[in-house]
Amino acid sequence: MSVICHVIVHGRVQGVGYRAFLEIEALTRGLEGWARNRRDGTVEALFMGEATMVAEMIEACRQGPSAARVDNIDQREGTADELRLRRSGDVFSVLATA
């Protein structure tokens, strides 16, 4: 069963390769979606795919790359409209800061 999950990751997650980490981890799991920095210092991401793979991805978000520090993750169900934010032709996009 396919699900869409929207997350906002709080902590030291900008300037440490966090978005690139998310892209690699998501593609490895066969997930679609996007990630972007937010002006408030958080990273926002959307993942779509098999429920078990999305759950694994959320656990990977809690770890992040070695230089990151994840304090908290806000998580909710995502929407198909949000998925359309990724760049046309991309499976997973790293988007501009919002």
N, C-alpha and C. Protein backbone atom coordinates (compact mmCIF):
# COMPACT_ATOMS: atom_id res chain seq x y z
N MET A 1 0.83 -1.18 0.00
CA MET A 1 0.00 0.00 0.00
C MET A 1 0.88 1.25 0.00
N SER A 2 0.59 2.17 -0.89
CA SER A 2 1.37 3.39 -1.02
C SER A 2 0.83 4.47 -0.09
N VAL A 3 1.74 5.20 0.56
CA VAL A 3 1.38 6.29 1.46
C VAL A 3 2.21 7.52 1.12
N ILE A 4 1.74 8.67 1.57
CA ILE A 4 2.49 9.92 1.44
C ILE A 4 2.66 10.49 2.84
N CYS A 5 3.90 10.83 3.18
CA CYS A 5 4.20 11.36 4.50
C CYS A 5 4.97 12.67 4.36
N HIS A 6 4.54 13.68 5.10
CA HIS A 6 5.17 15.00 5.14
C HIS A 6 5.88 15.14 6.48
N VAL A 7 7.14 15.57 6.46
CA VAL A 7 7.89 15.75 7.70
C VAL A 7 8.57 17.11 7.72
N ILE A 8 8.73 17.62 8.93
CA ILE A 8 9.57 18.80 9.17
C ILE A 8 10.56 18.39 10.25
N VAL A 9 11.84 18.52 9.92
CA VAL A 9 12.91 18.05 10.80
C VAL A 9 13.56 19.26 11.47
N HIS A 10 13.59 19.24 12.80
CA HIS A 10 14.16 20.31 13.60
C HIS A 10 15.52 19.88 14.15
N GLY A 11 16.41 20.83 14.29
CA GLY A 11 17.73 20.56 14.85
C GLY A 11 18.81 21.21 14.00
N ARG A 12 20.00 20.65 14.06
CA ARG A 12 21.10 21.14 13.20
C ARG A 12 21.03 20.34 11.91
N VAL A 13 20.20 20.81 10.97
CA VAL A 13 19.92 20.06 9.76
C VAL A 13 20.18 20.85 8.48
N GLN A 14 20.67 22.07 8.62
CA GLN A 14 21.06 22.83 7.43
C GLN A 14 22.56 23.03 7.44
N GLY A 15 23.16 22.97 6.24
CA GLY A 15 24.60 23.13 6.12
C GLY A 15 25.38 21.89 6.49
N VAL A 16 24.70 20.75 6.59
CA VAL A 16 25.37 19.50 6.99
C VAL A 16 25.12 18.37 5.98
N GLY A 17 24.55 18.68 4.81
CA GLY A 17 24.28 17.66 3.81
C GLY A 17 23.01 16.87 4.06
N TYR A 18 22.11 17.43 4.85
CA TYR A 18 20.91 16.70 5.22
C TYR A 18 19.99 16.43 4.03
N ARG A 19 19.78 17.42 3.16
CA ARG A 19 18.90 17.21 2.00
C ARG A 19 19.48 16.17 1.05
N ALA A 20 20.78 16.23 0.81
CA ALA A 20 21.42 15.23 -0.05
C ALA A 20 21.30 13.84 0.56
N PHE A 21 21.46 13.75 1.87
CA PHE A 21 21.27 12.49 2.58
C PHE A 21 19.85 11.96 2.36
N LEU A 22 18.85 12.84 2.48
CA LEU A 22 17.47 12.41 2.28
C LEU A 22 17.25 11.91 0.86
N GLU A 23 17.82 12.60 -0.10
CA GLU A 23 17.66 12.18 -1.50
C GLU A 23 18.22 10.78 -1.73
N ILE A 24 19.42 10.54 -1.26
CA ILE A 24 20.05 9.22 -1.44
C ILE A 24 19.25 8.14 -0.72
N GLU A 25 18.87 8.41 0.52
CA GLU A 25 18.12 7.42 1.31
C GLU A 25 16.76 7.12 0.68
N ALA A 26 16.08 8.16 0.20
CA ALA A 26 14.76 7.96 -0.41
C ALA A 26 14.88 7.15 -1.70
N LEU A 27 15.82 7.50 -2.55
CA LEU A 27 15.99 6.77 -3.81
C LEU A 27 16.39 5.33 -3.57
N THR A 28 17.23 5.10 -2.56
CA THR A 28 17.63 3.73 -2.21
C THR A 28 16.41 2.89 -1.83
N ARG A 29 15.43 3.52 -1.21
CA ARG A 29 14.22 2.82 -0.77
C ARG A 29 13.12 2.81 -1.82
N GLY A 30 13.38 3.39 -3.00
CA GLY A 30 12.38 3.42 -4.05
C GLY A 30 11.26 4.41 -3.80
N LEU A 31 11.55 5.47 -3.02
CA LEU A 31 10.54 6.46 -2.69
C LEU A 31 10.59 7.65 -3.65
N GLU A 32 9.46 8.27 -3.82
CA GLU A 32 9.35 9.53 -4.56
C GLU A 32 9.19 10.66 -3.56
N GLY A 33 9.45 11.90 -4.01
CA GLY A 33 9.21 13.03 -3.13
C GLY A 33 10.15 14.18 -3.34
N TRP A 34 10.37 14.94 -2.28
CA TRP A 34 11.24 16.11 -2.33
C TRP A 34 11.69 16.51 -0.93
N ALA A 35 12.72 17.36 -0.90
CA ALA A 35 13.23 17.92 0.36
C ALA A 35 13.64 19.35 0.10
N ARG A 36 13.50 20.19 1.11
CA ARG A 36 13.94 21.59 0.98
C ARG A 36 14.23 22.17 2.36
N ASN A 37 15.16 23.14 2.37
CA ASN A 37 15.40 23.92 3.57
C ASN A 37 14.24 24.90 3.74
N ARG A 38 14.00 25.27 4.99
CA ARG A 38 13.03 26.31 5.29
C ARG A 38 13.77 27.45 5.98
N ARG A 39 13.24 28.64 5.80
CA ARG A 39 13.91 29.83 6.36
C ARG A 39 14.03 29.79 7.88
N ASP A 40 13.21 28.98 8.54
CA ASP A 40 13.27 28.90 10.01
C ASP A 40 14.36 27.94 10.51
N GLY A 41 15.17 27.39 9.58
CA GLY A 41 16.27 26.51 9.97
C GLY A 41 15.93 25.03 9.95
N THR A 42 14.69 24.68 9.64
CA THR A 42 14.29 23.29 9.56
C THR A 42 14.46 22.76 8.14
N VAL A 43 14.30 21.45 7.97
CA VAL A 43 14.23 20.83 6.66
C VAL A 43 12.85 20.19 6.54
N GLU A 44 12.21 20.43 5.42
CA GLU A 44 10.89 19.90 5.13
C GLU A 44 11.03 18.85 4.03
N ALA A 45 10.30 17.76 4.13
CA ALA A 45 10.39 16.71 3.11
C ALA A 45 9.06 16.00 2.96
N LEU A 46 8.88 15.41 1.79
CA LEU A 46 7.70 14.62 1.48
C LEU A 46 8.17 13.31 0.86
N PHE A 47 7.63 12.20 1.35
CA PHE A 47 8.00 10.88 0.84
C PHE A 47 6.74 10.13 0.43
N MET A 48 6.80 9.47 -0.73
CA MET A 48 5.69 8.65 -1.17
C MET A 48 6.22 7.29 -1.59
N GLY A 49 5.55 6.24 -1.13
CA GLY A 49 5.92 4.89 -1.50
C GLY A 49 5.27 3.88 -0.59
N GLU A 50 5.78 2.66 -0.64
CA GLU A 50 5.25 1.60 0.21
C GLU A 50 5.38 2.00 1.69
N ALA A 51 4.36 1.69 2.46
CA ALA A 51 4.29 2.12 3.86
C ALA A 51 5.52 1.69 4.66
N THR A 52 6.00 0.47 4.44
CA THR A 52 7.16 0.00 5.21
C THR A 52 8.42 0.79 4.84
N MET A 53 8.56 1.14 3.57
CA MET A 53 9.73 1.91 3.14
C MET A 53 9.65 3.34 3.67
N VAL A 54 8.47 3.92 3.69
CA VAL A 54 8.30 5.28 4.24
C VAL A 54 8.62 5.26 5.73
N ALA A 55 8.17 4.23 6.45
CA ALA A 55 8.49 4.12 7.88
C ALA A 55 9.99 4.02 8.10
N GLU A 56 10.68 3.24 7.26
CA GLU A 56 12.14 3.16 7.34
C GLU A 56 12.78 4.51 7.07
N MET A 57 12.20 5.26 6.13
CA MET A 57 12.74 6.57 5.79
C MET A 57 12.60 7.53 6.95
N ILE A 58 11.50 7.48 7.66
CA ILE A 58 11.31 8.36 8.82
C ILE A 58 12.37 8.03 9.88
N GLU A 59 12.67 6.76 10.06
CA GLU A 59 13.73 6.38 11.01
C GLU A 59 15.08 6.90 10.55
N ALA A 60 15.34 6.86 9.24
CA ALA A 60 16.59 7.42 8.71
C ALA A 60 16.65 8.92 8.96
N CYS A 61 15.50 9.59 8.86
CA CYS A 61 15.44 11.04 9.12
C CYS A 61 15.88 11.34 10.55
N ARG A 62 15.56 10.46 11.48
CA ARG A 62 15.92 10.67 12.89
C ARG A 62 17.44 10.61 13.09
N GLN A 63 18.14 9.90 12.22
CA GLN A 63 19.59 9.78 12.31
C GLN A 63 20.28 10.90 11.54
N GLY A 64 19.94 11.04 10.26
CA GLY A 64 20.56 12.04 9.41
C GLY A 64 22.02 11.73 9.15
N PRO A 65 22.70 12.61 8.40
CA PRO A 65 24.13 12.43 8.17
C PRO A 65 24.91 12.68 9.47
N SER A 66 26.16 12.31 9.48
CA SER A 66 26.95 12.34 10.72
C SER A 66 27.07 13.73 11.35
N ALA A 67 27.07 14.79 10.55
CA ALA A 67 27.22 16.14 11.09
C ALA A 67 25.90 16.73 11.60
N ALA A 68 24.79 16.06 11.36
CA ALA A 68 23.48 16.58 11.76
C ALA A 68 23.16 16.23 13.21
N ARG A 69 22.23 17.01 13.76
CA ARG A 69 21.65 16.69 15.06
C ARG A 69 20.14 16.89 14.93
N VAL A 70 19.40 15.83 15.04
CA VAL A 70 17.95 15.90 14.90
C VAL A 70 17.34 15.99 16.30
N ASP A 71 16.61 17.09 16.56
CA ASP A 71 15.97 17.29 17.85
C ASP A 71 14.54 16.78 17.87
N ASN A 72 13.85 16.94 16.75
CA ASN A 72 12.44 16.59 16.70
C ASN A 72 12.00 16.45 15.25
N ILE A 73 10.99 15.62 15.00
CA ILE A 73 10.39 15.49 13.68
C ILE A 73 8.88 15.64 13.82
N ASP A 74 8.33 16.62 13.12
CA ASP A 74 6.88 16.77 13.01
C ASP A 74 6.46 15.96 11.79
N GLN A 75 5.46 15.12 11.92
CA GLN A 75 5.08 14.21 10.86
C GLN A 75 3.56 14.22 10.70
N ARG A 76 3.11 14.21 9.45
CA ARG A 76 1.68 14.13 9.16
C ARG A 76 1.50 13.46 7.80
N GLU A 77 0.27 13.12 7.48
CA GLU A 77 -0.04 12.57 6.17
C GLU A 77 0.16 13.66 5.13
N GLY A 78 0.81 13.32 4.02
CA GLY A 78 1.01 14.25 2.93
C GLY A 78 -0.09 14.12 1.89
N THR A 79 -0.05 15.00 0.89
CA THR A 79 -1.08 15.00 -0.16
C THR A 79 -0.44 14.90 -1.54
N ALA A 80 -1.26 14.48 -2.49
CA ALA A 80 -0.81 14.41 -3.88
C ALA A 80 -0.46 15.81 -4.39
N ASP A 81 -1.19 16.83 -3.94
CA ASP A 81 -0.86 18.20 -4.35
C ASP A 81 0.54 18.58 -3.90
N GLU A 82 0.92 18.19 -2.69
CA GLU A 82 2.27 18.50 -2.20
C GLU A 82 3.33 17.76 -3.02
N LEU A 83 3.02 16.55 -3.45
CA LEU A 83 3.97 15.79 -4.26
C LEU A 83 4.27 16.51 -5.56
N ARG A 84 3.32 17.25 -6.07
CA ARG A 84 3.50 17.97 -7.34
C ARG A 84 4.51 19.11 -7.25
N LEU A 85 5.02 19.41 -6.05
CA LEU A 85 6.04 20.45 -5.91
C LEU A 85 7.39 20.00 -6.49
N ARG A 86 7.61 18.69 -6.61
CA ARG A 86 8.90 18.24 -7.14
C ARG A 86 9.02 18.65 -8.61
N ARG A 87 10.25 18.73 -9.07
CA ARG A 87 10.51 19.13 -10.45
C ARG A 87 10.02 18.06 -11.42
N SER A 88 9.50 18.50 -12.52
CA SER A 88 8.98 17.61 -13.55
C SER A 88 10.08 16.65 -14.01
N GLY A 89 9.77 15.37 -14.05
CA GLY A 89 10.72 14.36 -14.49
C GLY A 89 11.57 13.77 -13.38
N ASP A 90 11.57 14.39 -12.22
CA ASP A 90 12.36 13.89 -11.07
C ASP A 90 11.56 12.84 -10.31
N VAL A 91 12.28 11.86 -9.80
CA VAL A 91 11.69 10.93 -8.85
C VAL A 91 11.72 11.57 -7.47
N PHE A 92 12.86 12.19 -7.14
CA PHE A 92 13.03 12.91 -5.88
C PHE A 92 13.76 14.20 -6.16
N SER A 93 13.23 15.32 -5.72
CA SER A 93 13.82 16.63 -5.98
C SER A 93 14.34 17.27 -4.70
N VAL A 94 15.47 17.95 -4.81
CA VAL A 94 15.95 18.83 -3.75
C VAL A 94 15.55 20.24 -4.22
N LEU A 95 14.61 20.84 -3.52
CA LEU A 95 14.01 22.11 -3.93
C LEU A 95 14.69 23.30 -3.28
N ALA A 96 14.40 24.47 -3.80
CA ALA A 96 14.90 25.72 -3.24
C ALA A 96 14.28 25.97 -1.87
N THR A 97 14.94 26.77 -1.08
CA THR A 97 14.47 27.15 0.25
C THR A 97 13.08 27.79 0.17
N ALA A 98 12.24 27.43 1.12
CA ALA A 98 10.88 27.99 1.17
C ALA A 98 10.72 28.88 2.38
